[in-house]
Amino acid sequence: MYLYRIKELRIEEHLSQARIAKVINVTQKTYSRYERGERDISISSLIEIADFFDTSVDYLVGNTDVRDKYPKGKNENPADIGNTD
């Protein structure tokens, strides 16, 4: 998966690949491969990058163009969603 937004955010913040690689505990070479879409990135690394840039994983993978992070809320039980009892 080509994740152009991780490169876009990194450049916008004037950060090196080595800096982001350190944040997610991979080598610079591995991180470079993530940016070029030559290697799949783990969900946990995506979450770490999203947290680092204060955005959402959905934004990083292109599911939304809204850069804002989702507001933190209480964890809901999926069975309770829509239940008005």
PDB file of N, CA and C in Angstrom:
ATOM      1  N   MET A   1       0.848  -1.169   0.000  1.00  0.00           N
ATOM      2  CA  MET A   1       0.000   0.000   0.000  1.00  0.00           C
ATOM      3  C   MET A   1       0.898   1.238   0.000  1.00  0.00           C
ATOM      4  N   TYR A   2       0.629   2.126  -0.926  1.00  0.00           N
ATOM      5  CA  TYR A   2       1.398   3.360  -1.010  1.00  0.00           C
ATOM      6  C   TYR A   2       0.754   4.399  -0.110  1.00  0.00           C
ATOM      7  N   LEU A   3       1.473   4.825   0.903  1.00  0.00           N
ATOM      8  CA  LEU A   3       0.958   5.770   1.888  1.00  0.00           C
ATOM      9  C   LEU A   3       1.616   7.131   1.685  1.00  0.00           C
ATOM     10  N   TYR A   4       1.192   7.844   0.654  1.00  0.00           N
ATOM     11  CA  TYR A   4       1.820   9.130   0.359  1.00  0.00           C
ATOM     12  C   TYR A   4       1.663  10.127   1.493  1.00  0.00           C
ATOM     13  N   ARG A   5       0.654   9.964   2.318  1.00  0.00           N
ATOM     14  CA  ARG A   5       0.435  10.955   3.379  1.00  0.00           C
ATOM     15  C   ARG A   5       1.471  10.882   4.489  1.00  0.00           C
ATOM     16  N   ILE A   6       2.062   9.722   4.721  1.00  0.00           N
ATOM     17  CA  ILE A   6       3.090   9.691   5.774  1.00  0.00           C
ATOM     18  C   ILE A   6       4.308  10.490   5.322  1.00  0.00           C
ATOM     19  N   LYS A   7       4.611  10.444   4.043  1.00  0.00           N
ATOM     20  CA  LYS A   7       5.721  11.242   3.521  1.00  0.00           C
ATOM     21  C   LYS A   7       5.347  12.723   3.527  1.00  0.00           C
ATOM     22  N   GLU A   8       4.128  13.008   3.099  1.00  0.00           N
ATOM     23  CA  GLU A   8       3.634  14.383   3.058  1.00  0.00           C
ATOM     24  C   GLU A   8       3.711  15.039   4.439  1.00  0.00           C
ATOM     25  N   LEU A   9       3.246  14.336   5.464  1.00  0.00           N
ATOM     26  CA  LEU A   9       3.274  14.876   6.828  1.00  0.00           C
ATOM     27  C   LEU A   9       4.705  15.047   7.335  1.00  0.00           C
ATOM     28  N   ARG A  10       5.537  14.063   7.048  1.00  0.00           N
ATOM     29  CA  ARG A  10       6.931  14.133   7.499  1.00  0.00           C
ATOM     30  C   ARG A  10       7.637  15.343   6.901  1.00  0.00           C
ATOM     31  N   ILE A  11       7.461  15.555   5.615  1.00  0.00           N
ATOM     32  CA  ILE A  11       8.101  16.691   4.941  1.00  0.00           C
ATOM     33  C   ILE A  11       7.531  18.006   5.454  1.00  0.00           C
ATOM     34  N   GLU A  12       6.222  18.043   5.630  1.00  0.00           N
ATOM     35  CA  GLU A  12       5.567  19.254   6.144  1.00  0.00           C
ATOM     36  C   GLU A  12       6.117  19.666   7.508  1.00  0.00           C
ATOM     37  N   GLU A  13       6.461  18.669   8.323  1.00  0.00           N
ATOM     38  CA  GLU A  13       6.992  18.932   9.669  1.00  0.00           C
ATOM     39  C   GLU A  13       8.520  19.027   9.696  1.00  0.00           C
ATOM     40  N   HIS A  14       9.143  18.951   8.520  1.00  0.00           N
ATOM     41  CA  HIS A  14      10.612  19.060   8.392  1.00  0.00           C
ATOM     42  C   HIS A  14      11.331  18.000   9.211  1.00  0.00           C
ATOM     43  N   LEU A  15      10.831  16.773   9.105  1.00  0.00           N
ATOM     44  CA  LEU A  15      11.416  15.661   9.843  1.00  0.00           C
ATOM     45  C   LEU A  15      12.098  14.689   8.886  1.00  0.00           C
ATOM     46  N   SER A  16      13.122  14.027   9.374  1.00  0.00           N
ATOM     47  CA  SER A  16      13.823  13.031   8.566  1.00  0.00           C
ATOM     48  C   SER A  16      13.118  11.678   8.673  1.00  0.00           C
ATOM     49  N   GLN A  17      13.395  10.831   7.710  1.00  0.00           N
ATOM     50  CA  GLN A  17      12.893   9.466   7.789  1.00  0.00           C
ATOM     51  C   GLN A  17      13.442   8.780   9.031  1.00  0.00           C
ATOM     52  N   ALA A  18      14.695   9.062   9.352  1.00  0.00           N
ATOM     53  CA  ALA A  18      15.316   8.446  10.526  1.00  0.00           C
ATOM     54  C   ALA A  18      14.564   8.812  11.806  1.00  0.00           C
ATOM     55  N   ARG A  19      14.076  10.033  11.900  1.00  0.00           N
ATOM     56  CA  ARG A  19      13.341  10.475  13.096  1.00  0.00           C
ATOM     57  C   ARG A  19      12.041   9.704  13.254  1.00  0.00           C
ATOM     58  N   ILE A  20      11.277   9.570  12.172  1.00  0.00           N
ATOM     59  CA  ILE A  20      10.012   8.841  12.248  1.00  0.00           C
ATOM     60  C   ILE A  20      10.283   7.353  12.476  1.00  0.00           C
ATOM     61  N   ALA A  21      11.324   6.837  11.831  1.00  0.00           N
ATOM     62  CA  ALA A  21      11.687   5.432  12.025  1.00  0.00           C
ATOM     63  C   ALA A  21      11.960   5.146  13.497  1.00  0.00           C
ATOM     64  N   LYS A  22      12.629   6.077  14.153  1.00  0.00           N
ATOM     65  CA  LYS A  22      12.935   5.908  15.584  1.00  0.00           C
ATOM     66  C   LYS A  22      11.652   5.884  16.412  1.00  0.00           C
ATOM     67  N   VAL A  23      10.699   6.724  16.053  1.00  0.00           N
ATOM     68  CA  VAL A  23       9.419   6.792  16.771  1.00  0.00           C
ATOM     69  C   VAL A  23       8.697   5.445  16.719  1.00  0.00           C
ATOM     70  N   ILE A  24       8.753   4.777  15.553  1.00  0.00           N
ATOM     71  CA  ILE A  24       8.015   3.519  15.404  1.00  0.00           C
ATOM     72  C   ILE A  24       8.922   2.298  15.535  1.00  0.00           C
ATOM     73  N   ASN A  25      10.170   2.548  15.925  1.00  0.00           N
ATOM     74  CA  ASN A  25      11.121   1.481  16.234  1.00  0.00           C
ATOM     75  C   ASN A  25      11.418   0.562  15.038  1.00  0.00           C
ATOM     76  N   VAL A  26      11.698   1.191  13.891  1.00  0.00           N
ATOM     77  CA  VAL A  26      12.165   0.457  12.710  1.00  0.00           C
ATOM     78  C   VAL A  26      13.399   1.173  12.176  1.00  0.00           C
ATOM     79  N   THR A  27      14.089   0.564  11.234  1.00  0.00           N
ATOM     80  CA  THR A  27      15.238   1.225  10.623  1.00  0.00           C
ATOM     81  C   THR A  27      14.766   2.280   9.630  1.00  0.00           C
ATOM     82  N   GLN A  28      15.659   3.193   9.306  1.00  0.00           N
ATOM     83  CA  GLN A  28      15.342   4.214   8.306  1.00  0.00           C
ATOM     84  C   GLN A  28      15.036   3.557   6.967  1.00  0.00           C
ATOM     85  N   LYS A  29      15.758   2.498   6.638  1.00  0.00           N
ATOM     86  CA  LYS A  29      15.545   1.791   5.376  1.00  0.00           C
ATOM     87  C   LYS A  29      14.130   1.198   5.308  1.00  0.00           C
ATOM     88  N   THR A  30      13.696   0.605   6.403  1.00  0.00           N
ATOM     89  CA  THR A  30      12.342   0.043   6.457  1.00  0.00           C
ATOM     90  C   THR A  30      11.313   1.141   6.310  1.00  0.00           C
ATOM     91  N   TYR A  31      11.517   2.245   7.036  1.00  0.00           N
ATOM     92  CA  TYR A  31      10.567   3.355   6.939  1.00  0.00           C
ATOM     93  C   TYR A  31      10.510   3.898   5.512  1.00  0.00           C
ATOM     94  N   SER A  32      11.655   4.010   4.874  1.00  0.00           N
ATOM     95  CA  SER A  32      11.707   4.475   3.492  1.00  0.00           C
ATOM     96  C   SER A  32      10.879   3.571   2.582  1.00  0.00           C
ATOM     97  N   ARG A  33      10.948   2.294   2.830  1.00  0.00           N
ATOM     98  CA  ARG A  33      10.149   1.341   2.043  1.00  0.00           C
ATOM     99  C   ARG A  33       8.655   1.516   2.292  1.00  0.00           C
ATOM    100  N   TYR A  34       8.279   1.873   3.515  1.00  0.00           N
ATOM    101  CA  TYR A  34       6.873   2.183   3.792  1.00  0.00           C
ATOM    102  C   TYR A  34       6.423   3.358   2.930  1.00  0.00           C
ATOM    103  N   GLU A  35       7.217   4.417   2.924  1.00  0.00           N
ATOM    104  CA  GLU A  35       6.850   5.609   2.152  1.00  0.00           C
ATOM    105  C   GLU A  35       6.718   5.323   0.664  1.00  0.00           C
ATOM    106  N   ARG A  36       7.549   4.441   0.146  1.00  0.00           N
ATOM    107  CA  ARG A  36       7.524   4.129  -1.286  1.00  0.00           C
ATOM    108  C   ARG A  36       6.535   3.017  -1.641  1.00  0.00           C
ATOM    109  N   GLY A  37       5.875   2.455  -0.639  1.00  0.00           N
ATOM    110  CA  GLY A  37       4.920   1.389  -0.887  1.00  0.00           C
ATOM    111  C   GLY A  37       5.566   0.067  -1.231  1.00  0.00           C
ATOM    112  N   GLU A  38       6.829  -0.096  -0.871  1.00  0.00           N
ATOM    113  CA  GLU A  38       7.560  -1.329  -1.154  1.00  0.00           C
ATOM    114  C   GLU A  38       7.430  -2.352  -0.036  1.00  0.00           C
ATOM    115  N   ARG A  39       6.879  -1.935   1.062  1.00  0.00           N
ATOM    116  CA  ARG A  39       6.714  -2.827   2.206  1.00  0.00           C
ATOM    117  C   ARG A  39       5.436  -2.441   2.934  1.00  0.00           C
ATOM    118  N   ASP A  40       4.672  -3.443   3.363  1.00  0.00           N
ATOM    119  CA  ASP A  40       3.453  -3.177   4.135  1.00  0.00           C
ATOM    120  C   ASP A  40       3.819  -2.745   5.536  1.00  0.00           C
ATOM    121  N   ILE A  41       3.037  -1.832   6.050  1.00  0.00           N
ATOM    122  CA  ILE A  41       3.263  -1.297   7.393  1.00  0.00           C
ATOM    123  C   ILE A  41       2.268  -1.941   8.354  1.00  0.00           C
ATOM    124  N   SER A  42       2.713  -2.221   9.561  1.00  0.00           N
ATOM    125  CA  SER A  42       1.828  -2.849  10.543  1.00  0.00           C
ATOM    126  C   SER A  42       0.798  -1.837  11.057  1.00  0.00           C
ATOM    127  N   ILE A  43      -0.300  -2.372  11.528  1.00  0.00           N
ATOM    128  CA  ILE A  43      -1.342  -1.527  12.123  1.00  0.00           C
ATOM    129  C   ILE A  43      -0.778  -0.761  13.316  1.00  0.00           C
ATOM    130  N   SER A  44       0.016  -1.428  14.138  1.00  0.00           N
ATOM    131  CA  SER A  44       0.559  -0.750  15.322  1.00  0.00           C
ATOM    132  C   SER A  44       1.461   0.418  14.909  1.00  0.00           C
ATOM    133  N   SER A  45       2.244   0.265  13.844  1.00  0.00           N
ATOM    134  CA  SER A  45       3.085   1.374  13.370  1.00  0.00           C
ATOM    135  C   SER A  45       2.230   2.497  12.804  1.00  0.00           C
ATOM    136  N   LEU A  46       1.162   2.157  12.092  1.00  0.00           N
ATOM    137  CA  LEU A  46       0.254   3.192  11.586  1.00  0.00           C
ATOM    138  C   LEU A  46      -0.361   3.992  12.730  1.00  0.00           C
ATOM    139  N   ILE A  47      -0.744   3.299  13.782  1.00  0.00           N
ATOM    140  CA  ILE A  47      -1.325   3.973  14.944  1.00  0.00           C
ATOM    141  C   ILE A  47      -0.291   4.896  15.590  1.00  0.00           C
ATOM    142  N   GLU A  48       0.941   4.423  15.713  1.00  0.00           N
ATOM    143  CA  GLU A  48       1.994   5.254  16.297  1.00  0.00           C
ATOM    144  C   GLU A  48       2.249   6.503  15.452  1.00  0.00           C
ATOM    145  N   ILE A  49       2.272   6.343  14.145  1.00  0.00           N
ATOM    146  CA  ILE A  49       2.489   7.490  13.256  1.00  0.00           C
ATOM    147  C   ILE A  49       1.306   8.454  13.347  1.00  0.00           C
ATOM    148  N   ALA A  50       0.095   7.927  13.349  1.00  0.00           N
ATOM    149  CA  ALA A  50      -1.092   8.779  13.472  1.00  0.00           C
ATOM    150  C   ALA A  50      -1.060   9.559  14.784  1.00  0.00           C
ATOM    151  N   ASP A  51      -0.714   8.898  15.868  1.00  0.00           N
ATOM    152  CA  ASP A  51      -0.615   9.580  17.161  1.00  0.00           C
ATOM    153  C   ASP A  51       0.480  10.643  17.132  1.00  0.00           C
ATOM    154  N   PHE A  52       1.615  10.311  16.537  1.00  0.00           N
ATOM    155  CA  PHE A  52       2.730  11.252  16.461  1.00  0.00           C
ATOM    156  C   PHE A  52       2.331  12.529  15.730  1.00  0.00           C
ATOM    157  N   PHE A  53       1.600  12.373  14.627  1.00  0.00           N
ATOM    158  CA  PHE A  53       1.187  13.528  13.826  1.00  0.00           C
ATOM    159  C   PHE A  53      -0.179  14.069  14.237  1.00  0.00           C
ATOM    160  N   ASP A  54      -0.755  13.531  15.292  1.00  0.00           N
ATOM    161  CA  ASP A  54      -2.051  13.964  15.815  1.00  0.00           C
ATOM    162  C   ASP A  54      -3.129  13.924  14.726  1.00  0.00           C
ATOM    163  N   THR A  55      -3.215  12.779  14.065  1.00  0.00           N
ATOM    164  CA  THR A  55      -4.219  12.573  13.030  1.00  0.00           C
ATOM    165  C   THR A  55      -4.782  11.167  13.196  1.00  0.00           C
ATOM    166  N   SER A  56      -5.555  10.717  12.238  1.00  0.00           N
ATOM    167  CA  SER A  56      -6.153   9.387  12.320  1.00  0.00           C
ATOM    168  C   SER A  56      -5.510   8.430  11.322  1.00  0.00           C
ATOM    169  N   VAL A  57      -5.619   7.161  11.604  1.00  0.00           N
ATOM    170  CA  VAL A  57      -5.161   6.149  10.661  1.00  0.00           C
ATOM    171  C   VAL A  57      -5.966   6.265   9.366  1.00  0.00           C
ATOM    172  N   ASP A  58      -7.244   6.565   9.475  1.00  0.00           N
ATOM    173  CA  ASP A  58      -8.071   6.751   8.270  1.00  0.00           C
ATOM    174  C   ASP A  58      -7.487   7.829   7.355  1.00  0.00           C
ATOM    175  N   TYR A  59      -6.987   8.907   7.939  1.00  0.00           N
ATOM    176  CA  TYR A  59      -6.367   9.954   7.136  1.00  0.00           C
ATOM    177  C   TYR A  59      -5.094   9.429   6.476  1.00  0.00           C
ATOM    178  N   LEU A  60      -4.281   8.714   7.220  1.00  0.00           N
ATOM    179  CA  LEU A  60      -3.022   8.204   6.674  1.00  0.00           C
ATOM    180  C   LEU A  60      -3.240   7.273   5.496  1.00  0.00           C
ATOM    181  N   VAL A  61      -4.275   6.434   5.566  1.00  0.00           N
ATOM    182  CA  VAL A  61      -4.507   5.460   4.499  1.00  0.00           C
ATOM    183  C   VAL A  61      -5.423   5.973   3.399  1.00  0.00           C
ATOM    184  N   GLY A  62      -5.894   7.223   3.527  1.00  0.00           N
ATOM    185  CA  GLY A  62      -6.690   7.826   2.467  1.00  0.00           C
ATOM    186  C   GLY A  62      -8.180   7.558   2.532  1.00  0.00           C
ATOM    187  N   ASN A  63      -8.675   7.066   3.672  1.00  0.00           N
ATOM    188  CA  ASN A  63     -10.116   6.843   3.811  1.00  0.00           C
ATOM    189  C   ASN A  63     -10.890   8.125   4.054  1.00  0.00           C
ATOM    190  N   THR A  64     -10.186   9.177   4.452  1.00  0.00           N
ATOM    191  CA  THR A  64     -10.804  10.479   4.673  1.00  0.00           C
ATOM    192  C   THR A  64      -9.799  11.561   4.337  1.00  0.00           C
ATOM    193  N   ASP A  65     -10.328  12.716   3.973  1.00  0.00           N
ATOM    194  CA  ASP A  65      -9.470  13.875   3.751  1.00  0.00           C
ATOM    195  C   ASP A  65      -9.451  14.798   4.966  1.00  0.00           C
ATOM    196  N   VAL A  66     -10.158  14.406   6.022  1.00  0.00           N
ATOM    197  CA  VAL A  66     -10.199  15.175   7.262  1.00  0.00           C
ATOM    198  C   VAL A  66      -8.975  14.793   8.081  1.00  0.00           C
ATOM    199  N   ARG A  67      -8.103  15.769   8.280  1.00  0.00           N
ATOM    200  CA  ARG A  67      -6.841  15.495   8.967  1.00  0.00           C
ATOM    201  C   ARG A  67      -6.977  15.432  10.485  1.00  0.00           C
ATOM    202  N   ASP A  68      -8.009  16.055  11.023  1.00  0.00           N
ATOM    203  CA  ASP A  68      -8.183  16.084  12.478  1.00  0.00           C
ATOM    204  C   ASP A  68      -8.319  14.679  13.037  1.00  0.00           C
ATOM    205  N   LYS A  69      -7.746  14.496  14.204  1.00  0.00           N
ATOM    206  CA  LYS A  69      -7.861  13.231  14.911  1.00  0.00           C
ATOM    207  C   LYS A  69      -9.280  13.081  15.437  1.00  0.00           C
ATOM    208  N   TYR A  70      -9.763  11.862  15.492  1.00  0.00           N
ATOM    209  CA  TYR A  70     -11.087  11.633  16.047  1.00  0.00           C
ATOM    210  C   TYR A  70     -11.073  11.956  17.534  1.00  0.00           C
ATOM    211  N   PRO A  71     -12.152  12.536  18.041  1.00  0.00           N
ATOM    212  CA  PRO A  71     -12.184  12.812  19.481  1.00  0.00           C
ATOM    213  C   PRO A  71     -12.211  11.516  20.271  1.00  0.00           C
ATOM    214  N   LYS A  72     -11.496  11.525  21.380  1.00  0.00           N
ATOM    215  CA  LYS A  72     -11.484  10.354  22.258  1.00  0.00           C
ATOM    216  C   LYS A  72     -12.807  10.313  23.005  1.00  0.00           C
ATOM    217  N   GLY A  73     -13.388   9.164  23.046  1.00  0.00           N
ATOM    218  CA  GLY A  73     -14.633   8.981  23.777  1.00  0.00           C
ATOM    219  C   GLY A  73     -14.573   7.688  24.553  1.00  0.00           C
ATOM    220  N   LYS A  74     -15.620   7.429  25.257  1.00  0.00           N
ATOM    221  CA  LYS A  74     -15.639   6.168  25.989  1.00  0.00           C
ATOM    222  C   LYS A  74     -15.746   5.030  24.978  1.00  0.00           C
ATOM    223  N   ASN A  75     -15.153   3.912  25.303  1.00  0.00           N
ATOM    224  CA  ASN A  75     -15.257   2.738  24.452  1.00  0.00           C
ATOM    225  C   ASN A  75     -16.673   2.206  24.549  1.00  0.00           C
ATOM    226  N   GLU A  76     -17.311   2.122  23.407  1.00  0.00           N
ATOM    227  CA  GLU A  76     -18.687   1.654  23.391  1.00  0.00           C
ATOM    228  C   GLU A  76     -18.727   0.189  22.999  1.00  0.00           C
ATOM    229  N   ASN A  77     -19.665  -0.489  23.544  1.00  0.00           N
ATOM    230  CA  ASN A  77     -19.932  -1.855  23.142  1.00  0.00           C
ATOM    231  C   ASN A  77     -20.715  -1.784  21.837  1.00  0.00           C
ATOM    232  N   PRO A  78     -20.235  -2.410  20.762  1.00  0.00           N
ATOM    233  CA  PRO A  78     -20.938  -2.337  19.479  1.00  0.00           C
ATOM    234  C   PRO A  78     -22.395  -2.769  19.573  1.00  0.00           C
ATOM    235  N   ALA A  79     -22.723  -3.676  20.494  1.00  0.00           N
ATOM    236  CA  ALA A  79     -24.105  -4.130  20.656  1.00  0.00           C
ATOM    237  C   ALA A  79     -25.001  -3.016  21.190  1.00  0.00           C
ATOM    238  N   ASP A  80     -24.410  -2.017  21.833  1.00  0.00           N
ATOM    239  CA  ASP A  80     -25.196  -0.938  22.422  1.00  0.00           C
ATOM    240  C   ASP A  80     -25.430   0.234  21.479  1.00  0.00           C
ATOM    241  N   ILE A  81     -24.743   0.270  20.347  1.00  0.00           N
ATOM    242  CA  ILE A  81     -24.884   1.394  19.421  1.00  0.00           C
ATOM    243  C   ILE A  81     -26.288   1.407  18.863  1.00  0.00           C
ATOM    244  N   GLY A  82     -26.929   2.542  18.973  1.00  0.00           N
ATOM    245  CA  GLY A  82     -28.294   2.688  18.492  1.00  0.00           C
ATOM    246  C   GLY A  82     -29.352   2.231  19.476  1.00  0.00           C
ATOM    247  N   ASN A  83     -28.932   1.639  20.583  1.00  0.00           N
ATOM    248  CA  ASN A  83     -29.859   1.172  21.602  1.00  0.00           C
ATOM    249  C   ASN A  83     -30.275   2.361  22.468  1.00  0.00           C
ATOM    250  N   THR A  84     -31.550   2.612  22.585  1.00  0.00           N
ATOM    251  CA  THR A  84     -32.034   3.764  23.345  1.00  0.00           C
ATOM    252  C   THR A  84     -32.527   3.377  24.721  1.00  0.00           C
ATOM    253  N   ASP A  85     -32.343   2.128  25.118  1.00  0.00           N
ATOM    254  CA  ASP A  85     -32.824   1.698  26.444  1.00  0.00           C
ATOM    255  C   ASP A  85     -32.046   2.357  27.550  1.00  0.00           C
TER     256      ASP A  85
END
